Amino acid sequence: MNTEELDRLPGSGDASGQYFYRLWCAKEAFYKALPIADQDKITLASLSYSDLKEGKTEWQLFKTQIDSYQIAVVTQKPKETGEILLIDIDLARI
């Protein structure tokens, strides 16, 4: 976590844990989406969760929660304007 993220960390309890794991999962997904050559030059602390969440990077974040589990997927934004197919997945049926 960087200083900004630590400042936003709730004091204690469930909110603190949920924030930490939501942030951790997103940053780990972001790191793993990077080319291996770039991963050697990057630390998790240097990746900005707020920039990723607000769409200020060339990457896009998809996140959700199932029960108490955080899920995050990071992909590069499409280079060309086009249609994106969104599919609803009923996780209760899986």
C-alpha atoms as a PDB file:
ATOM      1  CA  MET A   1       0.000   0.000   0.000  1.00  0.00           C
ATOM      2  CA  ASN A   2       1.154   3.519  -0.659  1.00  0.00           C
ATOM      3  CA  THR A   3       0.695   6.487   1.683  1.00  0.00           C
ATOM      4  CA  GLU A   4      -2.594   7.618   0.093  1.00  0.00           C
ATOM      5  CA  GLU A   5      -4.066   4.133   0.429  1.00  0.00           C
ATOM      6  CA  LEU A   6      -2.926   3.817   4.040  1.00  0.00           C
ATOM      7  CA  ASP A   7      -4.548   7.173   4.827  1.00  0.00           C
ATOM      8  CA  ARG A   8      -7.872   5.874   3.459  1.00  0.00           C
ATOM      9  CA  LEU A   9      -7.689   2.609   5.425  1.00  0.00           C
ATOM     10  CA  PRO A  10     -10.572   2.522   7.927  1.00  0.00           C
ATOM     11  CA  GLY A  11      -9.500   2.300  11.575  1.00  0.00           C
ATOM     12  CA  SER A  12     -10.417  -1.294  12.381  1.00  0.00           C
ATOM     13  CA  GLY A  13     -12.975  -4.041  12.065  1.00  0.00           C
ATOM     14  CA  ASP A  14     -14.710  -5.471   9.023  1.00  0.00           C
ATOM     15  CA  ALA A  15     -14.509  -2.243   7.002  1.00  0.00           C
ATOM     16  CA  SER A  16     -10.727  -2.236   7.356  1.00  0.00           C
ATOM     17  CA  GLY A  17     -10.409  -5.860   6.273  1.00  0.00           C
ATOM     18  CA  GLN A  18     -12.775  -5.446   3.338  1.00  0.00           C
ATOM     19  CA  TYR A  19     -10.922  -2.360   2.128  1.00  0.00           C
ATOM     20  CA  PHE A  20      -7.542  -4.065   2.456  1.00  0.00           C
ATOM     21  CA  TYR A  21      -8.567  -7.200   0.541  1.00  0.00           C
ATOM     22  CA  ARG A  22     -10.462  -5.232  -2.131  1.00  0.00           C
ATOM     23  CA  LEU A  23      -7.381  -3.089  -2.700  1.00  0.00           C
ATOM     24  CA  TRP A  24      -4.954  -6.029  -2.489  1.00  0.00           C
ATOM     25  CA  CYS A  25      -6.913  -8.141  -5.014  1.00  0.00           C
ATOM     26  CA  ALA A  26      -7.190  -5.241  -7.474  1.00  0.00           C
ATOM     27  CA  LYS A  27      -3.497  -4.379  -7.241  1.00  0.00           C
ATOM     28  CA  GLU A  28      -2.446  -8.024  -7.543  1.00  0.00           C
ATOM     29  CA  ALA A  29      -4.661  -8.447 -10.630  1.00  0.00           C
ATOM     30  CA  PHE A  30      -3.191  -5.221 -12.055  1.00  0.00           C
ATOM     31  CA  TYR A  31       0.369  -6.456 -11.436  1.00  0.00           C
ATOM     32  CA  LYS A  32      -0.338  -9.858 -13.012  1.00  0.00           C
ATOM     33  CA  ALA A  33      -1.888  -8.193 -16.082  1.00  0.00           C
ATOM     34  CA  LEU A  34       1.355  -6.338 -16.786  1.00  0.00           C
ATOM     35  CA  PRO A  35       3.887  -7.852 -19.182  1.00  0.00           C
ATOM     36  CA  ILE A  36       6.525  -9.873 -17.302  1.00  0.00           C
ATOM     37  CA  ALA A  37       9.257  -7.439 -18.357  1.00  0.00           C
ATOM     38  CA  ASP A  38       7.336  -4.603 -16.659  1.00  0.00           C
ATOM     39  CA  GLN A  39       6.650  -6.595 -13.499  1.00  0.00           C
ATOM     40  CA  ASP A  40      10.358  -6.531 -12.605  1.00  0.00           C
ATOM     41  CA  LYS A  41      10.258  -2.713 -12.562  1.00  0.00           C
ATOM     42  CA  ILE A  42       7.046  -2.315 -10.515  1.00  0.00           C
ATOM     43  CA  THR A  43       6.062  -2.770  -6.880  1.00  0.00           C
ATOM     44  CA  LEU A  44       2.516  -3.142  -5.591  1.00  0.00           C
ATOM     45  CA  ALA A  45       2.970   0.071  -3.614  1.00  0.00           C
ATOM     46  CA  SER A  46       3.726   1.980  -6.829  1.00  0.00           C
ATOM     47  CA  LEU A  47       0.478   0.859  -8.501  1.00  0.00           C
ATOM     48  CA  SER A  48      -2.348   3.328  -7.888  1.00  0.00           C
ATOM     49  CA  TYR A  49      -5.631   1.708  -6.899  1.00  0.00           C
ATOM     50  CA  SER A  50      -7.493   5.023  -7.170  1.00  0.00           C
ATOM     51  CA  ASP A  51      -6.181   5.686 -10.703  1.00  0.00           C
ATOM     52  CA  LEU A  52      -7.153   2.172 -11.750  1.00  0.00           C
ATOM     53  CA  LYS A  53     -10.590   2.412 -10.125  1.00  0.00           C
ATOM     54  CA  GLU A  54     -11.284   5.838 -11.673  1.00  0.00           C
ATOM     55  CA  GLY A  55     -10.190   4.744 -15.173  1.00  0.00           C
ATOM     56  CA  LYS A  56      -7.137   7.021 -15.308  1.00  0.00           C
ATOM     57  CA  THR A  57      -4.883   4.312 -16.736  1.00  0.00           C
ATOM     58  CA  GLU A  58      -4.786   2.245 -19.910  1.00  0.00           C
ATOM     59  CA  TRP A  59      -6.167  -0.610 -17.807  1.00  0.00           C
ATOM     60  CA  GLN A  60      -9.702  -1.374 -16.670  1.00  0.00           C
ATOM     61  CA  LEU A  61     -10.789  -2.944 -13.412  1.00  0.00           C
ATOM     62  CA  PHE A  62     -13.708  -5.314 -12.945  1.00  0.00           C
ATOM     63  CA  LYS A  63     -14.383  -6.167  -9.310  1.00  0.00           C
ATOM     64  CA  THR A  64     -17.035  -7.900  -7.287  1.00  0.00           C
ATOM     65  CA  GLN A  65     -17.510  -9.657  -4.011  1.00  0.00           C
ATOM     66  CA  ILE A  66     -18.932 -13.117  -3.303  1.00  0.00           C
ATOM     67  CA  ASP A  67     -19.745 -13.561   0.359  1.00  0.00           C
ATOM     68  CA  SER A  68     -16.590 -12.278   2.051  1.00  0.00           C
ATOM     69  CA  TYR A  69     -14.329 -12.981  -0.962  1.00  0.00           C
ATOM     70  CA  GLN A  70     -13.024 -10.157  -3.150  1.00  0.00           C
ATOM     71  CA  ILE A  71     -12.615 -10.784  -6.877  1.00  0.00           C
ATOM     72  CA  ALA A  72     -10.738  -8.511  -9.277  1.00  0.00           C
ATOM     73  CA  VAL A  73      -9.868  -8.772 -12.963  1.00  0.00           C
ATOM     74  CA  VAL A  74      -7.724  -6.215 -14.781  1.00  0.00           C
ATOM     75  CA  THR A  75      -7.465  -6.013 -18.562  1.00  0.00           C
ATOM     76  CA  GLN A  76      -6.089  -3.496 -21.009  1.00  0.00           C
ATOM     77  CA  LYS A  77      -8.651  -1.085 -22.369  1.00  0.00           C
ATOM     78  CA  PRO A  78      -9.529  -1.764 -26.004  1.00  0.00           C
ATOM     79  CA  LYS A  79      -7.352   0.250 -28.374  1.00  0.00           C
ATOM     80  CA  GLU A  80     -10.171   0.826 -30.847  1.00  0.00           C
ATOM     81  CA  THR A  81     -13.687   1.996 -30.263  1.00  0.00           C
ATOM     82  CA  GLY A  82     -16.030  -0.908 -30.689  1.00  0.00           C
ATOM     83  CA  GLU A  83     -18.756  -2.849 -29.043  1.00  0.00           C
ATOM     84  CA  ILE A  84     -18.149  -4.663 -25.808  1.00  0.00           C
ATOM     85  CA  LEU A  85     -20.332  -7.639 -25.044  1.00  0.00           C
ATOM     86  CA  LEU A  86     -21.377  -7.810 -21.399  1.00  0.00           C
ATOM     87  CA  ILE A  87     -22.668 -11.105 -20.099  1.00  0.00           C
ATOM     88  CA  ASP A  88     -24.535 -11.426 -16.815  1.00  0.00           C
ATOM     89  CA  ILE A  89     -23.422 -14.446 -14.839  1.00  0.00           C
ATOM     90  CA  ASP A  90     -25.715 -15.753 -12.144  1.00  0.00           C
ATOM     91  CA  LEU A  91     -23.145 -16.806  -9.557  1.00  0.00           C
ATOM     92  CA  ALA A  92     -25.821 -18.427  -7.430  1.00  0.00           C
ATOM     93  CA  ARG A  93     -26.274 -21.070 -10.146  1.00  0.00           C
ATOM     94  CA  ILE A  94     -22.598 -21.961 -10.382  1.00  0.00           C
END
